[in-house]
Protein backbone atom coordinates (compact mmCIF):
# COMPACT_ATOMS: atom_id res chain seq x y z
CA MET A 1 0.00 0.00 0.00
CA LYS A 2 2.86 2.36 0.79
CA ASN A 3 4.13 2.03 -2.79
CA LEU A 4 0.71 3.02 -4.13
CA MET A 5 0.74 6.22 -2.08
CA ASN A 6 4.36 7.16 -2.86
CA CYS A 7 4.51 8.74 -6.28
CA VAL A 8 7.71 10.17 -7.67
CA CYS A 9 5.67 12.78 -9.56
CA THR A 10 6.37 15.44 -6.97
CA GLU A 11 10.09 14.78 -6.94
CA LYS A 12 10.32 14.56 -10.72
CA TRP A 13 7.80 17.17 -11.85
CA GLY A 14 7.07 19.36 -8.84
CA SER A 15 8.82 22.37 -10.35
CA ILE A 16 6.46 22.24 -13.34
CA ALA A 17 3.26 22.65 -11.29
CA PRO A 18 3.51 26.45 -10.77
CA LEU A 19 4.35 26.84 -14.47
CA VAL A 20 1.21 24.95 -15.50
CA LEU A 21 -0.93 26.96 -13.08
CA ARG A 22 0.62 30.27 -14.16
CA LEU A 23 0.25 29.58 -17.89
CA SER A 24 -3.37 28.50 -17.65
CA THR A 25 -4.47 31.20 -15.21
CA GLY A 26 -2.55 33.89 -17.07
CA ALA A 27 -4.05 32.82 -20.41
CA ILE A 28 -7.57 32.97 -18.96
CA PHE A 29 -7.08 36.46 -17.54
CA LEU A 30 -5.35 37.66 -20.69
CA GLY A 31 -8.15 36.25 -22.86
CA HIS A 32 -10.90 37.85 -20.80
CA GLY A 33 -9.07 41.16 -20.72
CA TRP A 34 -8.47 41.01 -24.46
CA GLN A 35 -12.20 40.49 -25.04
CA LYS A 36 -12.91 43.58 -22.95
CA LEU A 37 -10.23 45.54 -24.79
CA GLN A 38 -11.70 44.53 -28.15
CA GLY A 39 -15.17 45.57 -26.98
CA GLY A 40 -13.73 48.90 -25.90
CA VAL A 41 -13.61 50.83 -22.70
CA PRO A 42 -17.12 52.31 -23.19
CA GLN A 43 -18.68 48.83 -23.41
CA THR A 44 -16.83 47.60 -20.31
CA ALA A 45 -17.67 50.84 -18.49
CA GLY A 46 -21.34 50.38 -19.40
CA PHE A 47 -21.31 46.89 -17.93
CA LEU A 48 -19.64 48.14 -14.75
CA ALA A 49 -22.13 51.01 -14.50
CA SER A 50 -24.97 48.48 -14.74
CA LEU A 51 -23.49 46.79 -11.66
CA GLY A 52 -23.43 50.09 -9.80
CA PHE A 53 -19.70 50.75 -9.89
CA PRO A 54 -18.71 54.34 -9.20
CA ALA A 55 -16.45 55.92 -11.87
CA PRO A 56 -17.10 53.06 -14.32
CA GLU A 57 -14.76 54.46 -17.00
CA LEU A 58 -11.85 54.51 -14.56
CA PHE A 59 -12.63 51.01 -13.29
CA ALA A 60 -13.02 49.75 -16.87
CA VAL A 61 -9.50 50.92 -17.73
CA LEU A 62 -8.12 49.44 -14.48
CA LEU A 63 -9.94 46.14 -15.07
CA ILE A 64 -8.70 45.80 -18.64
CA ALA A 65 -5.15 46.72 -17.60
CA ALA A 66 -5.25 44.24 -14.71
CA GLU A 67 -6.52 41.37 -16.85
CA VAL A 68 -4.38 41.97 -19.95
CA GLY A 69 -1.23 43.12 -18.17
CA GLY A 70 -1.64 40.76 -15.23
CA GLY A 71 -2.37 37.81 -17.46
CA ALA A 72 0.75 38.49 -19.53
CA LEU A 73 2.89 38.94 -16.41
CA LEU A 74 1.57 35.69 -14.94
CA ILE A 75 2.46 33.85 -18.13
CA LEU A 76 6.00 35.21 -17.85
CA GLY A 77 6.11 34.64 -14.12
CA ALA A 78 7.08 38.25 -13.46
CA PHE A 79 6.06 40.02 -10.23
CA THR A 80 3.86 37.00 -9.60
CA HIS A 81 3.12 37.68 -5.94
CA TRP A 82 1.78 41.20 -6.56
CA VAL A 83 0.07 40.39 -9.85
CA SER A 84 -1.68 37.44 -8.22
CA LYS A 85 -2.93 39.70 -5.41
CA ILE A 86 -4.42 42.11 -7.92
CA LEU A 87 -5.98 39.32 -9.99
CA ALA A 88 -7.38 37.68 -6.86
CA ILE A 89 -9.12 40.96 -6.07
CA VAL A 90 -10.47 41.11 -9.64
CA ALA A 91 -11.76 37.53 -9.33
CA LEU A 92 -13.26 38.18 -5.87
CA VAL A 93 -15.11 41.27 -7.10
CA ALA A 94 -16.42 39.33 -10.13
CA LEU A 95 -17.50 36.48 -7.85
CA VAL A 96 -19.44 38.77 -5.50
CA THR A 97 -20.90 41.24 -8.00
CA VAL A 98 -21.70 39.00 -10.97
CA HIS A 99 -21.53 35.26 -10.38
CA LEU A 100 -22.62 34.49 -6.81
CA LYS A 101 -26.31 35.21 -7.46
CA ASN A 102 -26.32 32.64 -10.31
CA GLY A 103 -25.53 29.69 -8.08
CA PHE A 104 -22.63 27.30 -8.19
CA MET A 105 -23.10 25.78 -11.66
CA GLY A 106 -24.98 26.67 -14.79
CA PRO A 107 -25.10 29.85 -16.86
CA GLY A 108 -23.11 32.55 -15.11
CA GLY A 109 -22.45 30.30 -12.12
CA PHE A 110 -19.52 30.87 -9.82
CA GLU A 111 -17.66 27.57 -10.12
CA PHE A 112 -15.24 28.88 -12.79
CA ILE A 113 -14.46 32.24 -11.15
CA LEU A 114 -14.01 30.43 -7.82
CA LEU A 115 -11.35 28.24 -9.46
CA ILE A 116 -9.64 31.31 -10.94
CA LEU A 117 -9.70 32.96 -7.51
CA ALA A 118 -8.18 29.84 -5.94
CA ALA A 119 -5.47 29.70 -8.62
CA SER A 120 -4.60 33.36 -8.04
CA ILE A 121 -4.41 32.87 -4.28
CA SER A 122 -2.30 29.74 -4.74
CA LEU A 123 0.18 31.58 -6.97
CA MET A 124 0.26 34.52 -4.55
CA ILE A 125 1.24 32.14 -1.74
CA THR A 126 3.58 29.73 -3.54
CA GLY A 127 5.15 32.11 -6.03
CA ALA A 128 6.00 31.69 -9.68
CA GLY A 129 8.25 28.68 -9.35
CA LYS A 130 11.52 27.70 -10.96
CA TRP A 131 10.49 28.36 -14.57
CA SER A 132 9.77 32.06 -14.28
CA VAL A 133 11.23 35.52 -14.69
CA ASP A 134 10.90 35.96 -10.92
CA HIS A 135 13.18 32.98 -10.32
CA LYS A 136 15.71 33.99 -12.96
CA VAL A 137 15.91 37.65 -11.92
CA PHE A 138 15.18 37.61 -8.19
CA LYS A 139 16.29 34.03 -7.43
CA LYS A 140 12.94 33.35 -5.77
């Protein structure tokens, strides 16, 4: 039984796990931000205004910058701790203001944004890992 529970995956591939999480989470944020950028700031600001955000134009620009810039930085593994904090806030706000009322699963449900929030928090805590700009530049 002990052999079944002891997998060499962690020893062999453990340094790849943060890379996989960073690439997938970064691509998702970058893709969502790119969609907002393509729709334009006025469209994103209109959506935010419909949710009751104050200064929706300002928050639209900040949201697009966070998702596009943050997604790209996550992919590179640069400034991962701080970028992950910002993206966790973005995900938490989306969870509370948009998805929570739709239930866990189904159209507009919160299961996906909850996973993105968890991934952001995980990267904030664990860091970018060995295969990252952070590791190469800051030796973290």
